[in-house]
Full PDB file with SEQRES, HELIX, SHEET, SSBOND, CRYST1, ORIGX, SCALE, CONECT and MASTER records, all heavy atoms in Angstrom:
SEQRES   1 A   32  THR PRO VAL ALA ALA LEU LEU GLN ARG ALA HIS HIS ARG          
SEQRES   2 A   32  LEU LEU THR GLY GLY TRP CYS SER GLY ALA LEU VAL ASP          
SEQRES   3 A   32  GLN ASP GLY ALA ARG CYS                                      
HELIX    1 AA1 PRO A    2  GLY A   17  1                                  16    
CRYST1    1.000    1.000    1.000  90.00  90.00  90.00 P 1           1          
ORIGX1      1.000000  0.000000  0.000000        0.00000                         
ORIGX2      0.000000  1.000000  0.000000        0.00000                         
ORIGX3      0.000000  0.000000  1.000000        0.00000                         
SCALE1      1.000000  0.000000  0.000000        0.00000                         
SCALE2      0.000000  1.000000  0.000000        0.00000                         
SCALE3      0.000000  0.000000  1.000000        0.00000                         
ATOM      1  N   THR A   1      41.875 -33.489  45.233  1.00  0.00           N  
ATOM      2  CA  THR A   1      42.767 -32.416  45.653  1.00  0.00           C  
ATOM      3  C   THR A   1      43.364 -31.741  44.423  1.00  0.00           C  
ATOM      4  O   THR A   1      43.597 -32.389  43.409  1.00  0.00           O  
ATOM      5  CB  THR A   1      43.886 -32.967  46.560  1.00  0.00           C  
ATOM      6  OG1 THR A   1      44.617 -33.952  45.838  1.00  0.00           O  
ATOM      7  CG2 THR A   1      43.302 -33.595  47.824  1.00  0.00           C  
ATOM      8  N   PRO A   2      43.627 -30.422  44.489  1.00  0.00           N  
ATOM      9  CA  PRO A   2      44.032 -29.690  43.287  1.00  0.00           C  
ATOM     10  C   PRO A   2      45.377 -30.127  42.696  1.00  0.00           C  
ATOM     11  O   PRO A   2      45.500 -30.268  41.472  1.00  0.00           O  
ATOM     12  CB  PRO A   2      44.074 -28.234  43.724  1.00  0.00           C  
ATOM     13  CG  PRO A   2      43.890 -28.211  45.183  1.00  0.00           C  
ATOM     14  CD  PRO A   2      43.427 -29.552  45.627  1.00  0.00           C  
ATOM     15  N   VAL A   3      46.401 -30.357  43.512  1.00  0.00           N  
ATOM     16  CA  VAL A   3      47.715 -30.751  42.984  1.00  0.00           C  
ATOM     17  C   VAL A   3      47.635 -32.153  42.393  1.00  0.00           C  
ATOM     18  O   VAL A   3      48.174 -32.412  41.307  1.00  0.00           O  
ATOM     19  CB  VAL A   3      48.804 -30.659  44.080  1.00  0.00           C  
ATOM     20  CG1 VAL A   3      50.116 -31.248  43.605  1.00  0.00           C  
ATOM     21  CG2 VAL A   3      48.994 -29.213  44.523  1.00  0.00           C  
ATOM     22  N   ALA A   4      46.957 -33.052  43.079  1.00  0.00           N  
ATOM     23  CA  ALA A   4      46.805 -34.412  42.569  1.00  0.00           C  
ATOM     24  C   ALA A   4      46.030 -34.415  41.256  1.00  0.00           C  
ATOM     25  O   ALA A   4      46.383 -35.122  40.312  1.00  0.00           O  
ATOM     26  CB  ALA A   4      46.108 -35.294  43.598  1.00  0.00           C  
ATOM     27  N   ALA A   5      44.983 -33.594  41.178  1.00  0.00           N  
ATOM     28  CA  ALA A   5      44.201 -33.512  39.943  1.00  0.00           C  
ATOM     29  C   ALA A   5      45.042 -32.934  38.807  1.00  0.00           C  
ATOM     30  O   ALA A   5      44.957 -33.396  37.663  1.00  0.00           O  
ATOM     31  CB  ALA A   5      42.952 -32.668  40.170  1.00  0.00           C  
ATOM     32  N   LEU A   6      45.881 -31.926  39.105  1.00  0.00           N  
ATOM     33  CA  LEU A   6      46.760 -31.356  38.087  1.00  0.00           C  
ATOM     34  C   LEU A   6      47.744 -32.398  37.568  1.00  0.00           C  
ATOM     35  O   LEU A   6      47.939 -32.530  36.361  1.00  0.00           O  
ATOM     36  CB  LEU A   6      47.514 -30.150  38.658  1.00  0.00           C  
ATOM     37  CG  LEU A   6      48.638 -29.584  37.791  1.00  0.00           C  
ATOM     38  CD1 LEU A   6      48.104 -29.104  36.462  1.00  0.00           C  
ATOM     39  CD2 LEU A   6      49.361 -28.479  38.526  1.00  0.00           C  
ATOM     40  N   LEU A   7      48.367 -33.159  38.458  1.00  0.00           N  
ATOM     41  CA  LEU A   7      49.315 -34.198  38.043  1.00  0.00           C  
ATOM     42  C   LEU A   7      48.621 -35.280  37.222  1.00  0.00           C  
ATOM     43  O   LEU A   7      49.176 -35.801  36.250  1.00  0.00           O  
ATOM     44  CB  LEU A   7      50.017 -34.789  39.265  1.00  0.00           C  
ATOM     45  CG  LEU A   7      51.035 -33.860  39.934  1.00  0.00           C  
ATOM     46  CD1 LEU A   7      51.410 -34.376  41.311  1.00  0.00           C  
ATOM     47  CD2 LEU A   7      52.269 -33.699  39.056  1.00  0.00           C  
ATOM     48  N   GLN A   8      47.401 -35.579  37.611  1.00  0.00           N  
ATOM     49  CA  GLN A   8      46.639 -36.581  36.867  1.00  0.00           C  
ATOM     50  C   GLN A   8      46.300 -36.070  35.461  1.00  0.00           C  
ATOM     51  O   GLN A   8      46.403 -36.811  34.487  1.00  0.00           O  
ATOM     52  CB  GLN A   8      45.364 -36.919  37.639  1.00  0.00           C  
ATOM     53  CG  GLN A   8      44.552 -38.023  37.037  1.00  0.00           C  
ATOM     54  CD  GLN A   8      43.306 -38.298  37.856  1.00  0.00           C  
ATOM     55  OE1 GLN A   8      42.711 -37.387  38.414  1.00  0.00           O  
ATOM     56  NE2 GLN A   8      42.935 -39.555  37.934  1.00  0.00           N  
ATOM     57  N   ARG A   9      45.912 -34.823  35.349  1.00  0.00           N  
ATOM     58  CA  ARG A   9      45.620 -34.245  34.029  1.00  0.00           C  
ATOM     59  C   ARG A   9      46.885 -34.191  33.165  1.00  0.00           C  
ATOM     60  O   ARG A   9      46.843 -34.446  31.958  1.00  0.00           O  
ATOM     61  CB  ARG A   9      45.021 -32.845  34.183  1.00  0.00           C  
ATOM     62  CG  ARG A   9      43.599 -32.827  34.699  1.00  0.00           C  
ATOM     63  CD  ARG A   9      42.945 -31.460  34.553  1.00  0.00           C  
ATOM     64  NE  ARG A   9      43.763 -30.346  35.005  1.00  0.00           N  
ATOM     65  CZ  ARG A   9      43.761 -29.830  36.239  1.00  0.00           C  
ATOM     66  NH1 ARG A   9      42.979 -30.358  37.164  1.00  0.00           N  
ATOM     67  NH2 ARG A   9      44.532 -28.788  36.541  1.00  0.00           N  
ATOM     68  N   ALA A  10      48.020 -33.855  33.775  1.00  0.00           N  
ATOM     69  CA  ALA A  10      49.286 -33.824  33.038  1.00  0.00           C  
ATOM     70  C   ALA A  10      49.644 -35.220  32.536  1.00  0.00           C  
ATOM     71  O   ALA A  10      50.098 -35.396  31.397  1.00  0.00           O  
ATOM     72  CB  ALA A  10      50.396 -33.267  33.928  1.00  0.00           C  
ATOM     73  N   HIS A  11      49.415 -36.209  33.365  1.00  0.00           N  
ATOM     74  CA  HIS A  11      49.651 -37.606  32.961  1.00  0.00           C  
ATOM     75  C   HIS A  11      48.783 -37.966  31.760  1.00  0.00           C  
ATOM     76  O   HIS A  11      49.260 -38.540  30.766  1.00  0.00           O  
ATOM     77  CB  HIS A  11      49.360 -38.530  34.152  1.00  0.00           C  
ATOM     78  CG  HIS A  11      49.489 -39.981  33.843  1.00  0.00           C  
ATOM     79  ND1 HIS A  11      48.399 -40.765  33.555  1.00  0.00           N  
ATOM     80  CD2 HIS A  11      50.572 -40.784  33.758  1.00  0.00           C  
ATOM     81  CE1 HIS A  11      48.807 -41.998  33.320  1.00  0.00           C  
ATOM     82  NE2 HIS A  11      50.121 -42.039  33.434  1.00  0.00           N  
ATOM     83  N   HIS A  12      47.517 -37.605  31.829  1.00  0.00           N  
ATOM     84  CA  HIS A  12      46.598 -37.914  30.730  1.00  0.00           C  
ATOM     85  C   HIS A  12      46.997 -37.151  29.460  1.00  0.00           C  
ATOM     86  O   HIS A  12      46.903 -37.689  28.349  1.00  0.00           O  
ATOM     87  CB  HIS A  12      45.158 -37.591  31.133  1.00  0.00           C  
ATOM     88  CG  HIS A  12      44.168 -37.974  30.093  1.00  0.00           C  
ATOM     89  ND1 HIS A  12      43.858 -39.284  29.805  1.00  0.00           N  
ATOM     90  CD2 HIS A  12      43.430 -37.221  29.237  1.00  0.00           C  
ATOM     91  CE1 HIS A  12      42.975 -39.322  28.837  1.00  0.00           C  
ATOM     92  NE2 HIS A  12      42.697 -38.081  28.472  1.00  0.00           N  
ATOM     93  N   ARG A  13      47.446 -35.915  29.612  1.00  0.00           N  
ATOM     94  CA  ARG A  13      47.884 -35.135  28.452  1.00  0.00           C  
ATOM     95  C   ARG A  13      49.059 -35.816  27.764  1.00  0.00           C  
ATOM     96  O   ARG A  13      49.119 -35.891  26.534  1.00  0.00           O  
ATOM     97  CB  ARG A  13      48.265 -33.718  28.841  1.00  0.00           C  
ATOM     98  CG  ARG A  13      48.773 -32.920  27.636  1.00  0.00           C  
ATOM     99  CD  ARG A  13      48.898 -31.462  27.932  1.00  0.00           C  
ATOM    100  NE  ARG A  13      47.640 -30.782  28.105  1.00  0.00           N  
ATOM    101  CZ  ARG A  13      46.887 -30.297  27.111  1.00  0.00           C  
ATOM    102  NH1 ARG A  13      47.272 -30.459  25.870  1.00  0.00           N  
ATOM    103  NH2 ARG A  13      45.778 -29.668  27.361  1.00  0.00           N  
ATOM    104  N   LEU A  14      50.010 -36.348  28.544  1.00  0.00           N  
ATOM    105  CA  LEU A  14      51.152 -37.047  27.941  1.00  0.00           C  
ATOM    106  C   LEU A  14      50.712 -38.346  27.271  1.00  0.00           C  
ATOM    107  O   LEU A  14      51.257 -38.730  26.241  1.00  0.00           O  
ATOM    108  CB  LEU A  14      52.238 -37.317  28.981  1.00  0.00           C  
ATOM    109  CG  LEU A  14      52.998 -36.100  29.497  1.00  0.00           C  
ATOM    110  CD1 LEU A  14      54.101 -36.535  30.451  1.00  0.00           C  
ATOM    111  CD2 LEU A  14      53.565 -35.277  28.371  1.00  0.00           C  
ATOM    112  N   LEU A  15      49.737 -39.014  27.871  1.00  0.00           N  
ATOM    113  CA  LEU A  15      49.229 -40.251  27.263  1.00  0.00           C  
ATOM    114  C   LEU A  15      48.580 -39.980  25.912  1.00  0.00           C  
ATOM    115  O   LEU A  15      48.782 -40.725  24.955  1.00  0.00           O  
ATOM    116  CB  LEU A  15      48.201 -40.910  28.181  1.00  0.00           C  
ATOM    117  CG  LEU A  15      48.696 -41.845  29.257  1.00  0.00           C  
ATOM    118  CD1 LEU A  15      47.539 -42.307  30.120  1.00  0.00           C  
ATOM    119  CD2 LEU A  15      49.427 -43.024  28.675  1.00  0.00           C  
ATOM    120  N   THR A  16      47.798 -38.933  25.846  1.00  0.00           N  
ATOM    121  CA  THR A  16      47.039 -38.673  24.621  1.00  0.00           C  
ATOM    122  C   THR A  16      47.789 -37.796  23.626  1.00  0.00           C  
ATOM    123  O   THR A  16      47.643 -37.972  22.423  1.00  0.00           O  
ATOM    124  CB  THR A  16      45.691 -38.007  24.954  1.00  0.00           C  
ATOM    125  OG1 THR A  16      45.928 -36.805  25.692  1.00  0.00           O  
ATOM    126  CG2 THR A  16      44.817 -38.952  25.753  1.00  0.00           C  
ATOM    127  N   GLY A  17      48.584 -36.840  24.111  1.00  0.00           N  
ATOM    128  CA  GLY A  17      49.252 -35.901  23.224  1.00  0.00           C  
ATOM    129  C   GLY A  17      50.677 -36.264  22.874  1.00  0.00           C  
ATOM    130  O   GLY A  17      51.267 -35.680  21.976  1.00  0.00           O  
ATOM    131  N   GLY A  18      51.257 -37.175  23.620  1.00  0.00           N  
ATOM    132  CA  GLY A  18      52.627 -37.599  23.357  1.00  0.00           C  
ATOM    133  C   GLY A  18      53.626 -36.986  24.322  1.00  0.00           C  
ATOM    134  O   GLY A  18      53.381 -35.955  24.931  1.00  0.00           O  
ATOM    135  N   TRP A  19      54.756 -37.664  24.461  1.00  0.00           N  
ATOM    136  CA  TRP A  19      55.831 -37.262  25.364  1.00  0.00           C  
ATOM    137  C   TRP A  19      57.049 -36.896  24.526  1.00  0.00           C  
ATOM    138  O   TRP A  19      57.285 -37.488  23.467  1.00  0.00           O  
ATOM    139  CB  TRP A  19      56.169 -38.418  26.304  1.00  0.00           C  
ATOM    140  CG  TRP A  19      57.380 -38.181  27.123  1.00  0.00           C  
ATOM    141  CD1 TRP A  19      57.452 -37.548  28.319  1.00  0.00           C  
ATOM    142  CD2 TRP A  19      58.727 -38.584  26.807  1.00  0.00           C  
ATOM    143  NE1 TRP A  19      58.741 -37.523  28.772  1.00  0.00           N  
ATOM    144  CE2 TRP A  19      59.549 -38.148  27.859  1.00  0.00           C  
ATOM    145  CE3 TRP A  19      59.312 -39.245  25.746  1.00  0.00           C  
ATOM    146  CZ2 TRP A  19      60.915 -38.363  27.878  1.00  0.00           C  
ATOM    147  CZ3 TRP A  19      60.669 -39.462  25.762  1.00  0.00           C  
ATOM    148  CH2 TRP A  19      61.463 -39.026  26.823  1.00  0.00           C  
ATOM    149  N   CYS A  20      57.815 -35.916  25.002  1.00  0.00           N  
ATOM    150  CA  CYS A  20      59.054 -35.561  24.320  1.00  0.00           C  
ATOM    151  C   CYS A  20      60.116 -35.241  25.353  1.00  0.00           C  
ATOM    152  O   CYS A  20      59.823 -35.089  26.544  1.00  0.00           O  
ATOM    153  CB  CYS A  20      58.855 -34.377  23.379  1.00  0.00           C  
ATOM    154  SG  CYS A  20      58.639 -32.794  24.209  1.00  0.00           S  
ATOM    155  N   SER A  21      61.359 -35.120  24.900  1.00  0.00           N  
ATOM    156  CA  SER A  21      62.446 -34.694  25.783  1.00  0.00           C  
ATOM    157  C   SER A  21      63.208 -33.594  25.067  1.00  0.00           C  
ATOM    158  O   SER A  21      63.187 -33.493  23.842  1.00  0.00           O  
ATOM    159  CB  SER A  21      63.373 -35.860  26.129  1.00  0.00           C  
ATOM    160  OG  SER A  21      64.041 -36.305  24.979  1.00  0.00           O  
ATOM    161  N   GLY A  22      63.865 -32.739  25.862  1.00  0.00           N  
ATOM    162  CA  GLY A  22      64.671 -31.682  25.281  1.00  0.00           C  
ATOM    163  C   GLY A  22      63.932 -30.389  25.009  1.00  0.00           C  
ATOM    164  O   GLY A  22      64.541 -29.409  24.613  1.00  0.00           O  
ATOM    165  N   ALA A  23      62.621 -30.364  25.206  1.00  0.00           N  
ATOM    166  CA  ALA A  23      61.827 -29.156  24.978  1.00  0.00           C  
ATOM    167  C   ALA A  23      60.537 -29.262  25.772  1.00  0.00           C  
ATOM    168  O   ALA A  23      60.088 -30.365  26.094  1.00  0.00           O  
ATOM    169  CB  ALA A  23      61.507 -28.995  23.502  1.00  0.00           C  
ATOM    170  N   LEU A  24      59.952 -28.113  26.102  1.00  0.00           N  
ATOM    171  CA  LEU A  24      58.652 -28.141  26.770  1.00  0.00           C  
ATOM    172  C   LEU A  24      57.592 -28.712  25.827  1.00  0.00           C  
ATOM    173  O   LEU A  24      56.750 -29.500  26.242  1.00  0.00           O  
ATOM    174  CB  LEU A  24      58.242 -26.738  27.237  1.00  0.00           C  
ATOM    175  CG  LEU A  24      58.998 -26.175  28.435  1.00  0.00           C  
ATOM    176  CD1 LEU A  24      58.565 -24.741  28.704  1.00  0.00           C  
ATOM    177  CD2 LEU A  24      58.795 -27.034  29.660  1.00  0.00           C  
ATOM    178  N   VAL A  25      57.647 -28.270  24.567  1.00  0.00           N  
ATOM    179  CA  VAL A  25      56.724 -28.751  23.539  1.00  0.00           C  
ATOM    180  C   VAL A  25      57.538 -28.923  22.257  1.00  0.00           C  
ATOM    181  O   VAL A  25      58.283 -28.028  21.877  1.00  0.00           O  
ATOM    182  CB  VAL A  25      55.581 -27.738  23.286  1.00  0.00           C  
ATOM    183  CG1 VAL A  25      54.617 -28.268  22.242  1.00  0.00           C  
ATOM    184  CG2 VAL A  25      54.849 -27.402  24.568  1.00  0.00           C  
ATOM    185  N   ASP A  26      57.399 -30.093  21.598  1.00  0.00           N  
ATOM    186  CA  ASP A  26      58.134 -30.273  20.343  1.00  0.00           C  
ATOM    187  C   ASP A  26      57.267 -29.845  19.154  1.00  0.00           C  
ATOM    188  O   ASP A  26      56.123 -29.405  19.333  1.00  0.00           O  
ATOM    189  CB  ASP A  26      58.659 -31.705  20.193  1.00  0.00           C  
ATOM    190  CG  ASP A  26      57.578 -32.733  19.949  1.00  0.00           C  
ATOM    191  OD1 ASP A  26      56.380 -32.376  19.878  1.00  0.00           O  
ATOM    192  OD2 ASP A  26      57.925 -33.921  19.817  1.00  0.00           O  
ATOM    193  N   GLN A  27      57.788 -29.969  17.937  1.00  0.00           N  
ATOM    194  CA  GLN A  27      57.082 -29.509  16.743  1.00  0.00           C  
ATOM    195  C   GLN A  27      55.800 -30.288  16.479  1.00  0.00           C  
ATOM    196  O   GLN A  27      54.898 -29.793  15.803  1.00  0.00           O  
ATOM    197  CB  GLN A  27      58.000 -29.552  15.506  1.00  0.00           C  
ATOM    198  CG  GLN A  27      58.436 -30.925  15.080  1.00  0.00           C  
ATOM    199  CD  GLN A  27      59.691 -31.406  15.814  1.00  0.00           C  
ATOM    200  OE1 GLN A  27      60.139 -30.791  16.775  1.00  0.00           O  
ATOM    201  NE2 GLN A  27      60.223 -32.523  15.366  1.00  0.00           N  
ATOM    202  N   ASP A  28      55.679 -31.509  17.027  1.00  0.00           N  
ATOM    203  CA  ASP A  28      54.469 -32.315  16.837  1.00  0.00           C  
ATOM    204  C   ASP A  28      53.423 -32.055  17.912  1.00  0.00           C  
ATOM    205  O   ASP A  28      52.342 -32.637  17.870  1.00  0.00           O  
ATOM    206  CB  ASP A  28      54.824 -33.802  16.823  1.00  0.00           C  
ATOM    207  CG  ASP A  28      55.737 -34.175  15.667  1.00  0.00           C  
ATOM    208  OD1 ASP A  28      55.623 -33.515  14.606  1.00  0.00           O  
ATOM    209  OD2 ASP A  28      56.550 -35.093  15.823  1.00  0.00           O  
ATOM    210  N   GLY A  29      53.759 -31.255  18.907  1.00  0.00           N  
ATOM    211  CA  GLY A  29      52.814 -30.968  19.986  1.00  0.00           C  
ATOM    212  C   GLY A  29      52.990 -31.849  21.210  1.00  0.00           C  
ATOM    213  O   GLY A  29      52.279 -31.694  22.189  1.00  0.00           O  
ATOM    214  N   ALA A  30      53.938 -32.784  21.163  1.00  0.00           N  
ATOM    215  CA  ALA A  30      54.216 -33.625  22.329  1.00  0.00           C  
ATOM    216  C   ALA A  30      54.884 -32.761  23.393  1.00  0.00           C  
ATOM    217  O   ALA A  30      55.558 -31.781  23.092  1.00  0.00           O  
ATOM    218  CB  ALA A  30      55.113 -34.788  21.931  1.00  0.00           C  
ATOM    219  N   ARG A  31      54.690 -33.113  24.652  1.00  0.00           N  
ATOM    220  CA  ARG A  31      55.197 -32.296  25.748  1.00  0.00           C  
ATOM    221  C   ARG A  31      56.079 -33.129  26.674  1.00  0.00           C  
ATOM    222  O   ARG A  31      55.940 -34.330  26.764  1.00  0.00           O  
ATOM    223  CB  ARG A  31      54.043 -31.715  26.555  1.00  0.00           C  
ATOM    224  CG  ARG A  31      53.138 -30.844  25.715  1.00  0.00           C  
ATOM    225  CD  ARG A  31      51.977 -30.283  26.497  1.00  0.00           C  
ATOM    226  NE  ARG A  31      51.056 -29.585  25.642  1.00  0.00           N  
ATOM    227  CZ  ARG A  31      51.243 -28.363  25.157  1.00  0.00           C  
ATOM    228  NH1 ARG A  31      52.314 -27.703  25.462  1.00  0.00           N  
ATOM    229  NH2 ARG A  31      50.344 -27.803  24.373  1.00  0.00           N  
ATOM    230  N   CYS A  32      56.943 -32.422  27.404  1.00  0.00           N  
ATOM    231  CA  CYS A  32      57.713 -33.069  28.464  1.00  0.00           C  
ATOM    232  C   CYS A  32      56.868 -33.020  29.736  1.00  0.00           C  
ATOM    233  O   CYS A  32      55.756 -32.477  29.748  1.00  0.00           O  
ATOM    234  CB  CYS A  32      59.054 -32.370  28.659  1.00  0.00           C  
ATOM    235  SG  CYS A  32      58.920 -30.752  29.436  1.00  0.00           S  
TER     236      CYS A  32                                                      
MASTER        0    0    0    1    0    0    0    6  235    1    0    3          
END                                                                             
């Protein structure tokens, strides 16, 4: 399903690219 696939891709992006707080994207490329 499209929403489930989007949430799954977002989860994988945070796993591989890093997580941050306080910004959509930090200076290192990590995302909220």
